[in-house]
ModelCIF file with pLDDT and N, C-alpha, C, O atoms, coordinates in Angstrom:
data_MODEL
#
_entry.id   MODEL 
#
_entity.id                         1 
_entity.type                       polymer 
_entity.pdbx_number_of_molecules   1 
#
_entity_poly.entity_id                      1 
_entity_poly.type                           'polypeptide(L)' 
_entity_poly.nstd_linkage                   no 
_entity_poly.nstd_monomer                   no 
_entity_poly.pdbx_seq_one_letter_code       
;(UNK)(UNK)(UNK)(UNK)(UNK)(UNK)(UNK)(UNK)(UNK)(UNK)(UNK)(UNK)(UNK)(UNK)(UNK)(UNK)
(UNK)(UNK)(UNK)(UNK)(UNK)(UNK)(UNK)(UNK)(UNK)(UNK)(UNK)(UNK)(UNK)(UNK)(UNK)(UNK)
(UNK)(UNK)(UNK)(UNK)(UNK)(UNK)(UNK)(UNK)(UNK)(UNK)(UNK)(UNK)
;
_entity_poly.pdbx_seq_one_letter_code_can   XXXXXXXXXXXXXXXXXXXXXXXXXXXXXXXXXXXXXXXXXXXX 
_entity_poly.pdbx_strand_id                 A 
#
loop_
_entity_poly_seq.entity_id 
_entity_poly_seq.num 
_entity_poly_seq.mon_id 
_entity_poly_seq.hetero 
1 1  UNK n 
1 2  UNK n 
1 3  UNK n 
1 4  UNK n 
1 5  UNK n 
1 6  UNK n 
1 7  UNK n 
1 8  UNK n 
1 9  UNK n 
1 10 UNK n 
1 11 UNK n 
1 12 UNK n 
1 13 UNK n 
1 14 UNK n 
1 15 UNK n 
1 16 UNK n 
1 17 UNK n 
1 18 UNK n 
1 19 UNK n 
1 20 UNK n 
1 21 UNK n 
1 22 UNK n 
1 23 UNK n 
1 24 UNK n 
1 25 UNK n 
1 26 UNK n 
1 27 UNK n 
1 28 UNK n 
1 29 UNK n 
1 30 UNK n 
1 31 UNK n 
1 32 UNK n 
1 33 UNK n 
1 34 UNK n 
1 35 UNK n 
1 36 UNK n 
1 37 UNK n 
1 38 UNK n 
1 39 UNK n 
1 40 UNK n 
1 41 UNK n 
1 42 UNK n 
1 43 UNK n 
1 44 UNK n 
#
_struct_asym.id          A 
_struct_asym.entity_id   1 
#
loop_
_ma_qa_metric.id 
_ma_qa_metric.mode 
_ma_qa_metric.name 
_ma_qa_metric.software_group_id 
_ma_qa_metric.type 
1 global pLDDT . pLDDT 
2 local  pLDDT . pLDDT 
#
_ma_qa_metric_global.metric_id      1 
_ma_qa_metric_global.metric_value   80.27 
_ma_qa_metric_global.model_id       1 
_ma_qa_metric_global.ordinal_id     1 
#
loop_
_ma_qa_metric_local.label_asym_id 
_ma_qa_metric_local.label_comp_id 
_ma_qa_metric_local.label_seq_id 
_ma_qa_metric_local.metric_id 
_ma_qa_metric_local.metric_value 
_ma_qa_metric_local.model_id 
_ma_qa_metric_local.ordinal_id 
A UNK 1  2 36.00 1 1  
A UNK 2  2 38.00 1 2  
A UNK 3  2 45.00 1 3  
A UNK 4  2 51.00 1 4  
A UNK 5  2 49.00 1 5  
A UNK 6  2 55.00 1 6  
A UNK 7  2 85.00 1 7  
A UNK 8  2 89.00 1 8  
A UNK 9  2 90.00 1 9  
A UNK 10 2 90.00 1 10 
A UNK 11 2 92.00 1 11 
A UNK 12 2 94.00 1 12 
A UNK 13 2 94.00 1 13 
A UNK 14 2 91.00 1 14 
A UNK 15 2 91.00 1 15 
A UNK 16 2 94.00 1 16 
A UNK 17 2 96.00 1 17 
A UNK 18 2 97.00 1 18 
A UNK 19 2 96.00 1 19 
A UNK 20 2 94.00 1 20 
A UNK 21 2 91.00 1 21 
A UNK 22 2 87.00 1 22 
A UNK 23 2 71.00 1 23 
A UNK 24 2 53.00 1 24 
A UNK 25 2 59.00 1 25 
A UNK 26 2 56.00 1 26 
A UNK 27 2 62.00 1 27 
A UNK 28 2 64.00 1 28 
A UNK 29 2 66.00 1 29 
A UNK 30 2 69.00 1 30 
A UNK 31 2 82.00 1 31 
A UNK 32 2 85.00 1 32 
A UNK 33 2 87.00 1 33 
A UNK 34 2 87.00 1 34 
A UNK 35 2 89.00 1 35 
A UNK 36 2 93.00 1 36 
A UNK 37 2 95.00 1 37 
A UNK 38 2 96.00 1 38 
A UNK 39 2 97.00 1 39 
A UNK 40 2 97.00 1 40 
A UNK 41 2 95.00 1 41 
A UNK 42 2 94.00 1 42 
A UNK 43 2 94.00 1 43 
A UNK 44 2 96.00 1 44 
#
loop_
_atom_site.group_PDB 
_atom_site.id 
_atom_site.type_symbol 
_atom_site.label_atom_id 
_atom_site.label_alt_id 
_atom_site.label_comp_id 
_atom_site.label_asym_id 
_atom_site.label_entity_id 
_atom_site.label_seq_id 
_atom_site.pdbx_PDB_ins_code 
_atom_site.Cartn_x 
_atom_site.Cartn_y 
_atom_site.Cartn_z 
_atom_site.occupancy 
_atom_site.B_iso_or_equiv 
_atom_site.pdbx_formal_charge 
_atom_site.auth_seq_id 
_atom_site.auth_comp_id 
_atom_site.auth_asym_id 
_atom_site.auth_atom_id 
_atom_site.pdbx_PDB_model_num 
ATOM 1   N N  . UNK A 1 1  ? 29.990 -25.268 -22.080 1.00 36.00 ? 1  UNK A N  1 
ATOM 2   C CA . UNK A 1 1  ? 30.883 -24.127 -22.250 1.00 36.00 ? 1  UNK A CA 1 
ATOM 3   C C  . UNK A 1 1  ? 32.140 -24.571 -23.002 1.00 36.00 ? 1  UNK A C  1 
ATOM 4   O O  . UNK A 1 1  ? 32.776 -25.553 -22.618 1.00 36.00 ? 1  UNK A O  1 
ATOM 5   N N  . UNK A 1 2  ? 32.488 -23.872 -24.042 1.00 38.00 ? 2  UNK A N  1 
ATOM 6   C CA . UNK A 1 2  ? 33.674 -24.231 -24.775 1.00 38.00 ? 2  UNK A CA 1 
ATOM 7   C C  . UNK A 1 2  ? 34.922 -23.873 -23.948 1.00 38.00 ? 2  UNK A C  1 
ATOM 8   O O  . UNK A 1 2  ? 34.859 -23.057 -23.029 1.00 38.00 ? 2  UNK A O  1 
ATOM 9   N N  . UNK A 1 3  ? 36.063 -24.509 -24.301 1.00 45.00 ? 3  UNK A N  1 
ATOM 10  C CA . UNK A 1 3  ? 37.305 -24.212 -23.598 1.00 45.00 ? 3  UNK A CA 1 
ATOM 11  C C  . UNK A 1 3  ? 37.635 -22.724 -23.780 1.00 45.00 ? 3  UNK A C  1 
ATOM 12  O O  . UNK A 1 3  ? 37.567 -22.194 -24.889 1.00 45.00 ? 3  UNK A O  1 
ATOM 13  N N  . UNK A 1 4  ? 37.989 -22.070 -22.689 1.00 51.00 ? 4  UNK A N  1 
ATOM 14  C CA . UNK A 1 4  ? 38.271 -20.652 -22.777 1.00 51.00 ? 4  UNK A CA 1 
ATOM 15  C C  . UNK A 1 4  ? 39.735 -20.427 -23.119 1.00 51.00 ? 4  UNK A C  1 
ATOM 16  O O  . UNK A 1 4  ? 40.608 -21.162 -22.658 1.00 51.00 ? 4  UNK A O  1 
ATOM 17  N N  . UNK A 1 5  ? 39.992 -19.440 -23.902 1.00 49.00 ? 5  UNK A N  1 
ATOM 18  C CA . UNK A 1 5  ? 41.370 -19.125 -24.299 1.00 49.00 ? 5  UNK A CA 1 
ATOM 19  C C  . UNK A 1 5  ? 42.206 -18.734 -23.082 1.00 49.00 ? 5  UNK A C  1 
ATOM 20  O O  . UNK A 1 5  ? 43.406 -19.007 -23.055 1.00 49.00 ? 5  UNK A O  1 
ATOM 21  N N  . UNK A 1 6  ? 41.594 -18.094 -22.064 1.00 55.00 ? 6  UNK A N  1 
ATOM 22  C CA . UNK A 1 6  ? 42.379 -17.662 -20.909 1.00 55.00 ? 6  UNK A CA 1 
ATOM 23  C C  . UNK A 1 6  ? 42.826 -18.857 -20.063 1.00 55.00 ? 6  UNK A C  1 
ATOM 24  O O  . UNK A 1 6  ? 43.677 -18.692 -19.188 1.00 55.00 ? 6  UNK A O  1 
ATOM 25  N N  . UNK A 1 7  ? 42.286 -20.040 -20.294 1.00 85.00 ? 7  UNK A N  1 
ATOM 26  C CA . UNK A 1 7  ? 42.762 -21.238 -19.564 1.00 85.00 ? 7  UNK A CA 1 
ATOM 27  C C  . UNK A 1 7  ? 44.137 -21.672 -20.082 1.00 85.00 ? 7  UNK A C  1 
ATOM 28  O O  . UNK A 1 7  ? 44.850 -22.404 -19.396 1.00 85.00 ? 7  UNK A O  1 
ATOM 29  N N  . UNK A 1 8  ? 44.507 -21.237 -21.259 1.00 89.00 ? 8  UNK A N  1 
ATOM 30  C CA . UNK A 1 8  ? 45.807 -21.590 -21.795 1.00 89.00 ? 8  UNK A CA 1 
ATOM 31  C C  . UNK A 1 8  ? 46.889 -20.737 -21.135 1.00 89.00 ? 8  UNK A C  1 
ATOM 32  O O  . UNK A 1 8  ? 46.654 -19.586 -20.768 1.00 89.00 ? 8  UNK A O  1 
ATOM 33  N N  . UNK A 1 9  ? 48.055 -21.312 -20.995 1.00 90.00 ? 9  UNK A N  1 
ATOM 34  C CA . UNK A 1 9  ? 49.203 -20.619 -20.398 1.00 90.00 ? 9  UNK A CA 1 
ATOM 35  C C  . UNK A 1 9  ? 50.316 -20.653 -21.436 1.00 90.00 ? 9  UNK A C  1 
ATOM 36  O O  . UNK A 1 9  ? 50.961 -21.682 -21.639 1.00 90.00 ? 9  UNK A O  1 
ATOM 37  N N  . UNK A 1 10 ? 50.533 -19.520 -22.088 1.00 90.00 ? 10 UNK A N  1 
ATOM 38  C CA . UNK A 1 10 ? 51.458 -19.443 -23.198 1.00 90.00 ? 10 UNK A CA 1 
ATOM 39  C C  . UNK A 1 10 ? 51.121 -20.476 -24.291 1.00 90.00 ? 10 UNK A C  1 
ATOM 40  O O  . UNK A 1 10 ? 52.012 -21.063 -24.904 1.00 90.00 ? 10 UNK A O  1 
ATOM 41  N N  . UNK A 1 11 ? 49.847 -20.674 -24.512 1.00 92.00 ? 11 UNK A N  1 
ATOM 42  C CA . UNK A 1 11 ? 49.371 -21.591 -25.519 1.00 92.00 ? 11 UNK A CA 1 
ATOM 43  C C  . UNK A 1 11 ? 49.244 -23.020 -25.049 1.00 92.00 ? 11 UNK A C  1 
ATOM 44  O O  . UNK A 1 11 ? 48.711 -23.856 -25.779 1.00 92.00 ? 11 UNK A O  1 
ATOM 45  N N  . UNK A 1 12 ? 49.716 -23.333 -23.851 1.00 94.00 ? 12 UNK A N  1 
ATOM 46  C CA . UNK A 1 12 ? 49.645 -24.677 -23.317 1.00 94.00 ? 12 UNK A CA 1 
ATOM 47  C C  . UNK A 1 12 ? 48.249 -24.862 -22.717 1.00 94.00 ? 12 UNK A C  1 
ATOM 48  O O  . UNK A 1 12 ? 47.852 -24.092 -21.843 1.00 94.00 ? 12 UNK A O  1 
ATOM 49  N N  . UNK A 1 13 ? 47.496 -25.874 -23.175 1.00 94.00 ? 13 UNK A N  1 
ATOM 50  C CA . UNK A 1 13 ? 46.112 -26.042 -22.693 1.00 94.00 ? 13 UNK A CA 1 
ATOM 51  C C  . UNK A 1 13 ? 46.038 -26.371 -21.194 1.00 94.00 ? 13 UNK A C  1 
ATOM 52  O O  . UNK A 1 13 ? 46.957 -26.975 -20.641 1.00 94.00 ? 13 UNK A O  1 
ATOM 53  N N  . UNK A 1 14 ? 44.951 -25.974 -20.551 1.00 91.00 ? 14 UNK A N  1 
ATOM 54  C CA . UNK A 1 14 ? 44.733 -26.252 -19.157 1.00 91.00 ? 14 UNK A CA 1 
ATOM 55  C C  . UNK A 1 14 ? 44.818 -27.752 -18.904 1.00 91.00 ? 14 UNK A C  1 
ATOM 56  O O  . UNK A 1 14 ? 44.224 -28.543 -19.638 1.00 91.00 ? 14 UNK A O  1 
ATOM 57  N N  . UNK A 1 15 ? 45.550 -28.143 -17.874 1.00 91.00 ? 15 UNK A N  1 
ATOM 58  C CA . UNK A 1 15 ? 45.697 -29.555 -17.510 1.00 91.00 ? 15 UNK A CA 1 
ATOM 59  C C  . UNK A 1 15 ? 46.875 -30.245 -18.165 1.00 91.00 ? 15 UNK A C  1 
ATOM 60  O O  . UNK A 1 15 ? 47.100 -31.432 -17.930 1.00 91.00 ? 15 UNK A O  1 
ATOM 61  N N  . UNK A 1 16 ? 47.640 -29.522 -18.990 1.00 94.00 ? 16 UNK A N  1 
ATOM 62  C CA . UNK A 1 16 ? 48.726 -30.143 -19.725 1.00 94.00 ? 16 UNK A CA 1 
ATOM 63  C C  . UNK A 1 16 ? 50.118 -29.562 -19.320 1.00 94.00 ? 16 UNK A C  1 
ATOM 64  O O  . UNK A 1 16 ? 50.213 -28.516 -18.678 1.00 94.00 ? 16 UNK A O  1 
ATOM 65  N N  . UNK A 1 17 ? 51.136 -30.261 -19.711 1.00 96.00 ? 17 UNK A N  1 
ATOM 66  C CA . UNK A 1 17 ? 52.509 -29.767 -19.620 1.00 96.00 ? 17 UNK A CA 1 
ATOM 67  C C  . UNK A 1 17 ? 53.026 -29.715 -21.057 1.00 96.00 ? 17 UNK A C  1 
ATOM 68  O O  . UNK A 1 17 ? 52.856 -30.678 -21.804 1.00 96.00 ? 17 UNK A O  1 
ATOM 69  N N  . UNK A 1 18 ? 53.650 -28.612 -21.452 1.00 97.00 ? 18 UNK A N  1 
ATOM 70  C CA . UNK A 1 18 ? 54.062 -28.408 -22.849 1.00 97.00 ? 18 UNK A CA 1 
ATOM 71  C C  . UNK A 1 18 ? 55.566 -28.165 -22.958 1.00 97.00 ? 18 UNK A C  1 
ATOM 72  O O  . UNK A 1 18 ? 56.168 -27.442 -22.164 1.00 97.00 ? 18 UNK A O  1 
ATOM 73  N N  . UNK A 1 19 ? 56.135 -28.791 -23.960 1.00 96.00 ? 19 UNK A N  1 
ATOM 74  C CA . UNK A 1 19 ? 57.540 -28.582 -24.290 1.00 96.00 ? 19 UNK A CA 1 
ATOM 75  C C  . UNK A 1 19 ? 57.565 -27.775 -25.583 1.00 96.00 ? 19 UNK A C  1 
ATOM 76  O O  . UNK A 1 19 ? 56.860 -28.092 -26.541 1.00 96.00 ? 19 UNK A O  1 
ATOM 77  N N  . UNK A 1 20 ? 58.389 -26.728 -25.594 1.00 94.00 ? 20 UNK A N  1 
ATOM 78  C CA . UNK A 1 20 ? 58.483 -25.833 -26.749 1.00 94.00 ? 20 UNK A CA 1 
ATOM 79  C C  . UNK A 1 20 ? 59.730 -26.161 -27.565 1.00 94.00 ? 20 UNK A C  1 
ATOM 80  O O  . UNK A 1 20 ? 60.691 -26.735 -27.054 1.00 94.00 ? 20 UNK A O  1 
ATOM 81  N N  . UNK A 1 21 ? 59.696 -25.794 -28.816 1.00 91.00 ? 21 UNK A N  1 
ATOM 82  C CA . UNK A 1 21 ? 60.822 -26.028 -29.732 1.00 91.00 ? 21 UNK A CA 1 
ATOM 83  C C  . UNK A 1 21 ? 62.092 -25.393 -29.214 1.00 91.00 ? 21 UNK A C  1 
ATOM 84  O O  . UNK A 1 21 ? 62.048 -24.470 -28.402 1.00 91.00 ? 21 UNK A O  1 
ATOM 85  N N  . UNK A 1 22 ? 63.209 -25.881 -29.677 1.00 87.00 ? 22 UNK A N  1 
ATOM 86  C CA . UNK A 1 22 ? 64.511 -25.367 -29.261 1.00 87.00 ? 22 UNK A CA 1 
ATOM 87  C C  . UNK A 1 22 ? 64.603 -23.877 -29.549 1.00 87.00 ? 22 UNK A C  1 
ATOM 88  O O  . UNK A 1 22 ? 64.243 -23.404 -30.627 1.00 87.00 ? 22 UNK A O  1 
ATOM 89  N N  . UNK A 1 23 ? 65.092 -23.162 -28.559 1.00 71.00 ? 23 UNK A N  1 
ATOM 90  C CA . UNK A 1 23 ? 65.214 -21.697 -28.687 1.00 71.00 ? 23 UNK A CA 1 
ATOM 91  C C  . UNK A 1 23 ? 66.527 -21.276 -28.033 1.00 71.00 ? 23 UNK A C  1 
ATOM 92  O O  . UNK A 1 23 ? 66.612 -21.212 -26.806 1.00 71.00 ? 23 UNK A O  1 
ATOM 93  N N  . UNK A 1 24 ? 67.511 -21.000 -28.805 1.00 53.00 ? 24 UNK A N  1 
ATOM 94  C CA . UNK A 1 24 ? 68.856 -20.703 -28.283 1.00 53.00 ? 24 UNK A CA 1 
ATOM 95  C C  . UNK A 1 24 ? 68.884 -19.401 -27.507 1.00 53.00 ? 24 UNK A C  1 
ATOM 96  O O  . UNK A 1 24 ? 69.748 -19.226 -26.647 1.00 53.00 ? 24 UNK A O  1 
ATOM 97  N N  . UNK A 1 25 ? 67.960 -18.472 -27.782 1.00 59.00 ? 25 UNK A N  1 
ATOM 98  C CA . UNK A 1 25 ? 68.027 -17.201 -27.074 1.00 59.00 ? 25 UNK A CA 1 
ATOM 99  C C  . UNK A 1 25 ? 67.238 -17.292 -25.787 1.00 59.00 ? 25 UNK A C  1 
ATOM 100 O O  . UNK A 1 25 ? 66.285 -18.063 -25.677 1.00 59.00 ? 25 UNK A O  1 
ATOM 101 N N  . UNK A 1 26 ? 67.645 -16.499 -24.821 1.00 56.00 ? 26 UNK A N  1 
ATOM 102 C CA . UNK A 1 26 ? 66.914 -16.487 -23.557 1.00 56.00 ? 26 UNK A CA 1 
ATOM 103 C C  . UNK A 1 26 ? 65.785 -15.486 -23.621 1.00 56.00 ? 26 UNK A C  1 
ATOM 104 O O  . UNK A 1 26 ? 65.691 -14.714 -24.575 1.00 56.00 ? 26 UNK A O  1 
ATOM 105 N N  . UNK A 1 27 ? 64.952 -15.488 -22.646 1.00 62.00 ? 27 UNK A N  1 
ATOM 106 C CA . UNK A 1 27 ? 63.783 -14.599 -22.631 1.00 62.00 ? 27 UNK A CA 1 
ATOM 107 C C  . UNK A 1 27 ? 62.517 -15.344 -22.960 1.00 62.00 ? 27 UNK A C  1 
ATOM 108 O O  . UNK A 1 27 ? 62.558 -16.537 -23.262 1.00 62.00 ? 27 UNK A O  1 
ATOM 109 N N  . UNK A 1 28 ? 61.399 -14.664 -22.906 1.00 64.00 ? 28 UNK A N  1 
ATOM 110 C CA . UNK A 1 28 ? 60.086 -15.289 -23.057 1.00 64.00 ? 28 UNK A CA 1 
ATOM 111 C C  . UNK A 1 28 ? 59.688 -15.559 -24.505 1.00 64.00 ? 28 UNK A C  1 
ATOM 112 O O  . UNK A 1 28 ? 58.624 -16.122 -24.766 1.00 64.00 ? 28 UNK A O  1 
ATOM 113 N N  . UNK A 1 29 ? 60.542 -15.158 -25.445 1.00 66.00 ? 29 UNK A N  1 
ATOM 114 C CA . UNK A 1 29 ? 60.193 -15.350 -26.871 1.00 66.00 ? 29 UNK A CA 1 
ATOM 115 C C  . UNK A 1 29 ? 60.024 -16.821 -27.215 1.00 66.00 ? 29 UNK A C  1 
ATOM 116 O O  . UNK A 1 29 ? 59.326 -17.137 -28.179 1.00 66.00 ? 29 UNK A O  1 
ATOM 117 N N  . UNK A 1 30 ? 60.624 -17.717 -26.480 1.00 69.00 ? 30 UNK A N  1 
ATOM 118 C CA . UNK A 1 30 ? 60.498 -19.132 -26.763 1.00 69.00 ? 30 UNK A CA 1 
ATOM 119 C C  . UNK A 1 30 ? 59.146 -19.695 -26.416 1.00 69.00 ? 30 UNK A C  1 
ATOM 120 O O  . UNK A 1 30 ? 58.851 -20.825 -26.805 1.00 69.00 ? 30 UNK A O  1 
ATOM 121 N N  . UNK A 1 31 ? 58.287 -18.953 -25.689 1.00 82.00 ? 31 UNK A N  1 
ATOM 122 C CA . UNK A 1 31 ? 56.994 -19.447 -25.285 1.00 82.00 ? 31 UNK A CA 1 
ATOM 123 C C  . UNK A 1 31 ? 55.883 -19.072 -26.261 1.00 82.00 ? 31 UNK A C  1 
ATOM 124 O O  . UNK A 1 31 ? 54.736 -18.882 -25.858 1.00 82.00 ? 31 UNK A O  1 
ATOM 125 N N  . UNK A 1 32 ? 56.215 -18.967 -27.513 1.00 85.00 ? 32 UNK A N  1 
ATOM 126 C CA . UNK A 1 32 ? 55.238 -18.726 -28.537 1.00 85.00 ? 32 UNK A CA 1 
ATOM 127 C C  . UNK A 1 32 ? 54.384 -20.008 -28.708 1.00 85.00 ? 32 UNK A C  1 
ATOM 128 O O  . UNK A 1 32 ? 54.955 -21.075 -28.930 1.00 85.00 ? 32 UNK A O  1 
ATOM 129 N N  . UNK A 1 33 ? 53.031 -19.937 -28.611 1.00 87.00 ? 33 UNK A N  1 
ATOM 130 C CA . UNK A 1 33 ? 52.189 -21.117 -28.726 1.00 87.00 ? 33 UNK A CA 1 
ATOM 131 C C  . UNK A 1 33 ? 52.429 -21.918 -30.005 1.00 87.00 ? 33 UNK A C  1 
ATOM 132 O O  . UNK A 1 33 ? 52.210 -23.129 -30.027 1.00 87.00 ? 33 UNK A O  1 
ATOM 133 N N  . UNK A 1 34 ? 52.877 -21.251 -31.068 1.00 87.00 ? 34 UNK A N  1 
ATOM 134 C CA . UNK A 1 34 ? 53.138 -21.959 -32.323 1.00 87.00 ? 34 UNK A CA 1 
ATOM 135 C C  . UNK A 1 34 ? 54.377 -22.854 -32.241 1.00 87.00 ? 34 UNK A C  1 
ATOM 136 O O  . UNK A 1 34 ? 54.616 -23.686 -33.116 1.00 87.00 ? 34 UNK A O  1 
ATOM 137 N N  . UNK A 1 35 ? 55.164 -22.664 -31.166 1.00 89.00 ? 35 UNK A N  1 
ATOM 138 C CA . UNK A 1 35 ? 56.416 -23.422 -31.037 1.00 89.00 ? 35 UNK A CA 1 
ATOM 139 C C  . UNK A 1 35 ? 56.264 -24.626 -30.119 1.00 89.00 ? 35 UNK A C  1 
ATOM 140 O O  . UNK A 1 35 ? 57.267 -25.265 -29.801 1.00 89.00 ? 35 UNK A O  1 
ATOM 141 N N  . UNK A 1 36 ? 55.066 -24.961 -29.683 1.00 93.00 ? 36 UNK A N  1 
ATOM 142 C CA . UNK A 1 36 ? 54.844 -26.148 -28.846 1.00 93.00 ? 36 UNK A CA 1 
ATOM 143 C C  . UNK A 1 36 ? 55.091 -27.390 -29.697 1.00 93.00 ? 36 UNK A C  1 
ATOM 144 O O  . UNK A 1 36 ? 54.490 -27.559 -30.758 1.00 93.00 ? 36 UNK A O  1 
ATOM 145 N N  . UNK A 1 37 ? 55.983 -28.260 -29.216 1.00 95.00 ? 37 UNK A N  1 
ATOM 146 C CA . UNK A 1 37 ? 56.276 -29.489 -29.953 1.00 95.00 ? 37 UNK A CA 1 
ATOM 147 C C  . UNK A 1 37 ? 55.663 -30.715 -29.301 1.00 95.00 ? 37 UNK A C  1 
ATOM 148 O O  . UNK A 1 37 ? 55.301 -31.668 -29.990 1.00 95.00 ? 37 UNK A O  1 
ATOM 149 N N  . UNK A 1 38 ? 55.543 -30.701 -27.979 1.00 96.00 ? 38 UNK A N  1 
ATOM 150 C CA . UNK A 1 38 ? 54.969 -31.865 -27.255 1.00 96.00 ? 38 UNK A CA 1 
ATOM 151 C C  . UNK A 1 38 ? 53.996 -31.369 -26.215 1.00 96.00 ? 38 UNK A C  1 
ATOM 152 O O  . UNK A 1 38 ? 54.254 -30.383 -25.525 1.00 96.00 ? 38 UNK A O  1 
ATOM 153 N N  . UNK A 1 39 ? 52.872 -32.059 -26.105 1.00 97.00 ? 39 UNK A N  1 
ATOM 154 C CA . UNK A 1 39 ? 51.869 -31.759 -25.066 1.00 97.00 ? 39 UNK A CA 1 
ATOM 155 C C  . UNK A 1 39 ? 51.643 -33.067 -24.299 1.00 97.00 ? 39 UNK A C  1 
ATOM 156 O O  . UNK A 1 39 ? 51.297 -34.096 -24.879 1.00 97.00 ? 39 UNK A O  1 
ATOM 157 N N  . UNK A 1 40 ? 51.850 -32.994 -22.980 1.00 97.00 ? 40 UNK A N  1 
ATOM 158 C CA . UNK A 1 40 ? 51.719 -34.183 -22.151 1.00 97.00 ? 40 UNK A CA 1 
ATOM 159 C C  . UNK A 1 40 ? 50.495 -34.024 -21.262 1.00 97.00 ? 40 UNK A C  1 
ATOM 160 O O  . UNK A 1 40 ? 50.329 -33.005 -20.592 1.00 97.00 ? 40 UNK A O  1 
ATOM 161 N N  . UNK A 1 41 ? 49.642 -35.038 -21.264 1.00 95.00 ? 41 UNK A N  1 
ATOM 162 C CA . UNK A 1 41 ? 48.386 -35.015 -20.496 1.00 95.00 ? 41 UNK A CA 1 
ATOM 163 C C  . UNK A 1 41 ? 48.360 -36.028 -19.366 1.00 95.00 ? 41 UNK A C  1 
ATOM 164 O O  . UNK A 1 41 ? 47.725 -35.799 -18.337 1.00 95.00 ? 41 UNK A O  1 
ATOM 165 N N  . UNK A 1 42 ? 49.042 -37.139 -19.550 1.00 94.00 ? 42 UNK A N  1 
ATOM 166 C CA . UNK A 1 42 ? 48.898 -38.254 -18.589 1.00 94.00 ? 42 UNK A CA 1 
ATOM 167 C C  . UNK A 1 42 ? 50.005 -38.259 -17.550 1.00 94.00 ? 42 UNK A C  1 
ATOM 168 O O  . UNK A 1 42 ? 51.144 -37.878 -17.820 1.00 94.00 ? 42 UNK A O  1 
ATOM 169 N N  . UNK A 1 43 ? 49.640 -38.700 -16.364 1.00 94.00 ? 43 UNK A N  1 
ATOM 170 C CA . UNK A 1 43 ? 50.626 -38.824 -15.292 1.00 94.00 ? 43 UNK A CA 1 
ATOM 171 C C  . UNK A 1 43 ? 51.601 -39.940 -15.599 1.00 94.00 ? 43 UNK A C  1 
ATOM 172 O O  . UNK A 1 43 ? 51.268 -40.894 -16.303 1.00 94.00 ? 43 UNK A O  1 
ATOM 173 N N  . UNK A 1 44 ? 52.812 -39.819 -15.067 1.00 96.00 ? 44 UNK A N  1 
ATOM 174 C CA . UNK A 1 44 ? 53.832 -40.821 -15.267 1.00 96.00 ? 44 UNK A CA 1 
ATOM 175 C C  . UNK A 1 44 ? 54.998 -40.241 -16.068 1.00 96.00 ? 44 UNK A C  1 
ATOM 176 O O  . UNK A 1 44 ? 55.970 -40.945 -16.342 1.00 96.00 ? 44 UNK A O  1 
#
C-alpha cells in the first residue's frame, strides 16, 4: 500500500516532526506544506 495522503499532518509525513519556514504572521497560514524546511525522523 502506498503512503496515504491523509497520513500527512499539514504536509508533515507520518512519523516525522516538521519545522516550517519563518512566518511573521499568526494563524494557520504558516502550515503550508510547501513551507516545510526541516523534517526530523530520528530520535534524539
